[in-house]
Amino acid sequence: MKTFLKYLGAILVLIGAICLVCYHWLPENWLLVTSLVLEVIGIIGFIVTNRYVE
């Protein structure tokens, strides 16, 4: 479980990047908002979990 928790932030960043790729074919504003939220939460989550989880 700790291994998954350690990489959860990176997974969220990758999902956000996939949303940006989908925006190329389906230009909807909700995709941009979703990717922004996932990227920010993923980066913050990655920093926090790698600092406190070993």
PDB file of N, CA and C in Angstrom:
ATOM      1  N   MET A   1       0.825  -1.192   0.000  1.00  0.00           N
ATOM      2  CA  MET A   1       0.000   0.000   0.000  1.00  0.00           C
ATOM      3  C   MET A   1       0.870   1.257   0.000  1.00  0.00           C
ATOM      4  N   LYS A   2       1.998   1.219   0.704  1.00  0.00           N
ATOM      5  CA  LYS A   2       2.876   2.391   0.735  1.00  0.00           C
ATOM      6  C   LYS A   2       3.480   2.668  -0.632  1.00  0.00           C
ATOM      7  N   THR A   3       3.747   1.624  -1.393  1.00  0.00           N
ATOM      8  CA  THR A   3       4.306   1.818  -2.735  1.00  0.00           C
ATOM      9  C   THR A   3       3.300   2.529  -3.631  1.00  0.00           C
ATOM     10  N   PHE A   4       2.041   2.105  -3.565  1.00  0.00           N
ATOM     11  CA  PHE A   4       1.002   2.758  -4.361  1.00  0.00           C
ATOM     12  C   PHE A   4       0.809   4.198  -3.912  1.00  0.00           C
ATOM     13  N   LEU A   5       0.813   4.421  -2.615  1.00  0.00           N
ATOM     14  CA  LEU A   5       0.634   5.774  -2.083  1.00  0.00           C
ATOM     15  C   LEU A   5       1.794   6.675  -2.496  1.00  0.00           C
ATOM     16  N   LYS A   6       2.987   6.100  -2.591  1.00  0.00           N
ATOM     17  CA  LYS A   6       4.164   6.881  -2.959  1.00  0.00           C
ATOM     18  C   LYS A   6       4.075   7.380  -4.403  1.00  0.00           C
ATOM     19  N   TYR A   7       3.468   6.592  -5.280  1.00  0.00           N
ATOM     20  CA  TYR A   7       3.379   6.953  -6.689  1.00  0.00           C
ATOM     21  C   TYR A   7       2.018   7.503  -7.096  1.00  0.00           C
ATOM     22  N   LEU A   8       1.140   7.755  -6.155  1.00  0.00           N
ATOM     23  CA  LEU A   8      -0.189   8.267  -6.465  1.00  0.00           C
ATOM     24  C   LEU A   8      -0.115   9.646  -7.114  1.00  0.00           C
ATOM     25  N   GLY A   9       0.770  10.500  -6.665  1.00  0.00           N
ATOM     26  CA  GLY A   9       0.920  11.831  -7.250  1.00  0.00           C
ATOM     27  C   GLY A   9       1.366  11.760  -8.699  1.00  0.00           C
ATOM     28  N   ALA A  10       2.300  10.888  -8.995  1.00  0.00           N
ATOM     29  CA  ALA A  10       2.774  10.732 -10.369  1.00  0.00           C
ATOM     30  C   ALA A  10       1.677  10.180 -11.266  1.00  0.00           C
ATOM     31  N   ILE A  11       0.874   9.292 -10.747  1.00  0.00           N
ATOM     32  CA  ILE A  11      -0.247   8.738 -11.508  1.00  0.00           C
ATOM     33  C   ILE A  11      -1.260   9.834 -11.829  1.00  0.00           C
ATOM     34  N   LEU A  12      -1.538  10.705 -10.865  1.00  0.00           N
ATOM     35  CA  LEU A  12      -2.476  11.799 -11.106  1.00  0.00           C
ATOM     36  C   LEU A  12      -1.935  12.781 -12.140  1.00  0.00           C
ATOM     37  N   VAL A  13      -0.639  13.029 -12.124  1.00  0.00           N
ATOM     38  CA  VAL A  13      -0.037  13.908 -13.130  1.00  0.00           C
ATOM     39  C   VAL A  13      -0.158  13.284 -14.519  1.00  0.00           C
ATOM     40  N   LEU A  14       0.047  11.986 -14.628  1.00  0.00           N
ATOM     41  CA  LEU A  14      -0.092  11.322 -15.918  1.00  0.00           C
ATOM     42  C   LEU A  14      -1.534  11.341 -16.416  1.00  0.00           C
ATOM     43  N   ILE A  15      -2.493  11.170 -15.529  1.00  0.00           N
ATOM     44  CA  ILE A  15      -3.905  11.248 -15.924  1.00  0.00           C
ATOM     45  C   ILE A  15      -4.244  12.653 -16.389  1.00  0.00           C
ATOM     46  N   GLY A  16      -3.692  13.660 -15.727  1.00  0.00           N
ATOM     47  CA  GLY A  16      -3.882  15.040 -16.166  1.00  0.00           C
ATOM     48  C   GLY A  16      -3.296  15.281 -17.550  1.00  0.00           C
ATOM     49  N   ALA A  17      -2.153  14.688 -17.828  1.00  0.00           N
ATOM     50  CA  ALA A  17      -1.541  14.818 -19.153  1.00  0.00           C
ATOM     51  C   ALA A  17      -2.386  14.127 -20.213  1.00  0.00           C
ATOM     52  N   ILE A  18      -2.992  13.017 -19.866  1.00  0.00           N
ATOM     53  CA  ILE A  18      -3.887  12.319 -20.799  1.00  0.00           C
ATOM     54  C   ILE A  18      -5.112  13.177 -21.096  1.00  0.00           C
ATOM     55  N   CYS A  19      -5.608  13.888 -20.100  1.00  0.00           N
ATOM     56  CA  CYS A  19      -6.732  14.810 -20.325  1.00  0.00           C
ATOM     57  C   CYS A  19      -6.337  15.919 -21.292  1.00  0.00           C
ATOM     58  N   LEU A  20      -5.105  16.395 -21.213  1.00  0.00           N
ATOM     59  CA  LEU A  20      -4.640  17.427 -22.144  1.00  0.00           C
ATOM     60  C   LEU A  20      -4.524  16.882 -23.567  1.00  0.00           C
ATOM     61  N   VAL A  21      -4.124  15.635 -23.706  1.00  0.00           N
ATOM     62  CA  VAL A  21      -4.061  15.013 -25.028  1.00  0.00           C
ATOM     63  C   VAL A  21      -5.472  14.857 -25.593  1.00  0.00           C
ATOM     64  N   CYS A  22      -6.418  14.465 -24.761  1.00  0.00           N
ATOM     65  CA  CYS A  22      -7.811  14.332 -25.208  1.00  0.00           C
ATOM     66  C   CYS A  22      -8.394  15.682 -25.609  1.00  0.00           C
ATOM     67  N   TYR A  23      -7.916  16.758 -25.007  1.00  0.00           N
ATOM     68  CA  TYR A  23      -8.383  18.100 -25.351  1.00  0.00           C
ATOM     69  C   TYR A  23      -8.034  18.450 -26.799  1.00  0.00           C
ATOM     70  N   HIS A  24      -6.984  17.865 -27.311  1.00  0.00           N
ATOM     71  CA  HIS A  24      -6.578  18.127 -28.696  1.00  0.00           C
ATOM     72  C   HIS A  24      -7.685  17.708 -29.667  1.00  0.00           C
ATOM     73  N   TRP A  25      -8.356  16.589 -29.406  1.00  0.00           N
ATOM     74  CA  TRP A  25      -9.397  16.102 -30.290  1.00  0.00           C
ATOM     75  C   TRP A  25     -10.797  16.543 -29.884  1.00  0.00           C
ATOM     76  N   LEU A  26     -10.992  16.822 -28.624  1.00  0.00           N
ATOM     77  CA  LEU A  26     -12.312  17.191 -28.112  1.00  0.00           C
ATOM     78  C   LEU A  26     -12.175  18.484 -27.312  1.00  0.00           C
ATOM     79  N   PRO A  27     -12.191  19.634 -27.964  1.00  0.00           N
ATOM     80  CA  PRO A  27     -11.919  20.899 -27.257  1.00  0.00           C
ATOM     81  C   PRO A  27     -13.073  21.338 -26.354  1.00  0.00           C
ATOM     82  N   GLU A  28     -13.077  20.822 -25.171  1.00  0.00           N
ATOM     83  CA  GLU A  28     -14.074  21.181 -24.159  1.00  0.00           C
ATOM     84  C   GLU A  28     -13.353  21.803 -22.973  1.00  0.00           C
ATOM     85  N   ASN A  29     -13.944  22.818 -22.382  1.00  0.00           N
ATOM     86  CA  ASN A  29     -13.301  23.513 -21.265  1.00  0.00           C
ATOM     87  C   ASN A  29     -13.173  22.647 -20.020  1.00  0.00           C
ATOM     88  N   TRP A  30     -14.092  21.721 -19.815  1.00  0.00           N
ATOM     89  CA  TRP A  30     -14.018  20.881 -18.619  1.00  0.00           C
ATOM     90  C   TRP A  30     -12.778  19.992 -18.640  1.00  0.00           C
ATOM     91  N   LEU A  31     -12.281  19.656 -19.825  1.00  0.00           N
ATOM     92  CA  LEU A  31     -11.039  18.877 -19.895  1.00  0.00           C
ATOM     93  C   LEU A  31      -9.846  19.696 -19.415  1.00  0.00           C
ATOM     94  N   LEU A  32      -9.828  20.970 -19.752  1.00  0.00           N
ATOM     95  CA  LEU A  32      -8.736  21.827 -19.280  1.00  0.00           C
ATOM     96  C   LEU A  32      -8.786  22.004 -17.772  1.00  0.00           C
ATOM     97  N   VAL A  33      -9.982  22.204 -17.238  1.00  0.00           N
ATOM     98  CA  VAL A  33     -10.125  22.375 -15.793  1.00  0.00           C
ATOM     99  C   VAL A  33      -9.748  21.095 -15.063  1.00  0.00           C
ATOM    100  N   THR A  34     -10.208  19.968 -15.580  1.00  0.00           N
ATOM    101  CA  THR A  34      -9.888  18.679 -14.962  1.00  0.00           C
ATOM    102  C   THR A  34      -8.392  18.413 -14.995  1.00  0.00           C
ATOM    103  N   SER A  35      -7.752  18.695 -16.115  1.00  0.00           N
ATOM    104  CA  SER A  35      -6.314  18.454 -16.193  1.00  0.00           C
ATOM    105  C   SER A  35      -5.549  19.387 -15.259  1.00  0.00           C
ATOM    106  N   LEU A  36      -5.982  20.634 -15.144  1.00  0.00           N
ATOM    107  CA  LEU A  36      -5.332  21.563 -14.217  1.00  0.00           C
ATOM    108  C   LEU A  36      -5.439  21.073 -12.782  1.00  0.00           C
ATOM    109  N   VAL A  37      -6.634  20.661 -12.387  1.00  0.00           N
ATOM    110  CA  VAL A  37      -6.844  20.183 -11.012  1.00  0.00           C
ATOM    111  C   VAL A  37      -6.013  18.930 -10.750  1.00  0.00           C
ATOM    112  N   LEU A  38      -6.009  17.992 -11.697  1.00  0.00           N
ATOM    113  CA  LEU A  38      -5.244  16.760 -11.506  1.00  0.00           C
ATOM    114  C   LEU A  38      -3.740  17.030 -11.453  1.00  0.00           C
ATOM    115  N   GLU A  39      -3.270  17.943 -12.283  1.00  0.00           N
ATOM    116  CA  GLU A  39      -1.844  18.268 -12.275  1.00  0.00           C
ATOM    117  C   GLU A  39      -1.427  18.900 -10.945  1.00  0.00           C
ATOM    118  N   VAL A  40      -2.206  19.855 -10.463  1.00  0.00           N
ATOM    119  CA  VAL A  40      -1.848  20.539  -9.213  1.00  0.00           C
ATOM    120  C   VAL A  40      -1.929  19.576  -8.031  1.00  0.00           C
ATOM    121  N   ILE A  41      -3.013  18.813  -7.938  1.00  0.00           N
ATOM    122  CA  ILE A  41      -3.149  17.853  -6.837  1.00  0.00           C
ATOM    123  C   ILE A  41      -2.067  16.782  -6.928  1.00  0.00           C
ATOM    124  N   GLY A  42      -1.737  16.353  -8.143  1.00  0.00           N
ATOM    125  CA  GLY A  42      -0.702  15.338  -8.321  1.00  0.00           C
ATOM    126  C   GLY A  42       0.668  15.817  -7.899  1.00  0.00           C
ATOM    127  N   ILE A  43       1.012  17.041  -8.264  1.00  0.00           N
ATOM    128  CA  ILE A  43       2.328  17.581  -7.887  1.00  0.00           C
ATOM    129  C   ILE A  43       2.419  17.770  -6.378  1.00  0.00           C
ATOM    130  N   ILE A  44       1.385  18.353  -5.795  1.00  0.00           N
ATOM    131  CA  ILE A  44       1.388  18.537  -4.333  1.00  0.00           C
ATOM    132  C   ILE A  44       1.381  17.195  -3.621  1.00  0.00           C
ATOM    133  N   GLY A  45       0.572  16.269  -4.102  1.00  0.00           N
ATOM    134  CA  GLY A  45       0.523  14.938  -3.491  1.00  0.00           C
ATOM    135  C   GLY A  45       1.838  14.201  -3.606  1.00  0.00           C
ATOM    136  N   PHE A  46       2.503  14.330  -4.736  1.00  0.00           N
ATOM    137  CA  PHE A  46       3.792  13.671  -4.925  1.00  0.00           C
ATOM    138  C   PHE A  46       4.831  14.215  -3.959  1.00  0.00           C
ATOM    139  N   ILE A  47       4.860  15.524  -3.791  1.00  0.00           N
ATOM    140  CA  ILE A  47       5.818  16.135  -2.869  1.00  0.00           C
ATOM    141  C   ILE A  47       5.531  15.730  -1.435  1.00  0.00           C
ATOM    142  N   VAL A  48       4.276  15.790  -1.024  1.00  0.00           N
ATOM    143  CA  VAL A  48       3.910  15.490   0.365  1.00  0.00           C
ATOM    144  C   VAL A  48       4.133  14.020   0.690  1.00  0.00           C
ATOM    145  N   THR A  49       3.696  13.118  -0.192  1.00  0.00           N
ATOM    146  CA  THR A  49       3.838  11.693   0.121  1.00  0.00           C
ATOM    147  C   THR A  49       5.285  11.255   0.114  1.00  0.00           C
ATOM    148  N   ASN A  50       6.104  11.816  -0.768  1.00  0.00           N
ATOM    149  CA  ASN A  50       7.515  11.421  -0.775  1.00  0.00           C
ATOM    150  C   ASN A  50       8.286  12.019   0.396  1.00  0.00           C
ATOM    151  N   ARG A  51       7.752  13.041   0.983  1.00  0.00           N
ATOM    152  CA  ARG A  51       8.413  13.630   2.144  1.00  0.00           C
ATOM    153  C   ARG A  51       8.088  12.827   3.414  1.00  0.00           C
ATOM    154  N   TYR A  52       6.874  12.312   3.543  1.00  0.00           N
ATOM    155  CA  TYR A  52       6.450  11.671   4.788  1.00  0.00           C
ATOM    156  C   TYR A  52       6.335  10.158   4.728  1.00  0.00           C
ATOM    157  N   VAL A  53       6.254   9.566   3.553  1.00  0.00           N
ATOM    158  CA  VAL A  53       6.121   8.112   3.443  1.00  0.00           C
ATOM    159  C   VAL A  53       7.455   7.550   2.974  1.00  0.00           C
ATOM    160  N   GLU A  54       7.938   6.551   3.689  1.00  0.00           N
ATOM    161  CA  GLU A  54       9.193   5.906   3.299  1.00  0.00           C
ATOM    162  C   GLU A  54       8.957   4.511   2.832  1.00  0.00           C
TER     163      GLU A  54
END
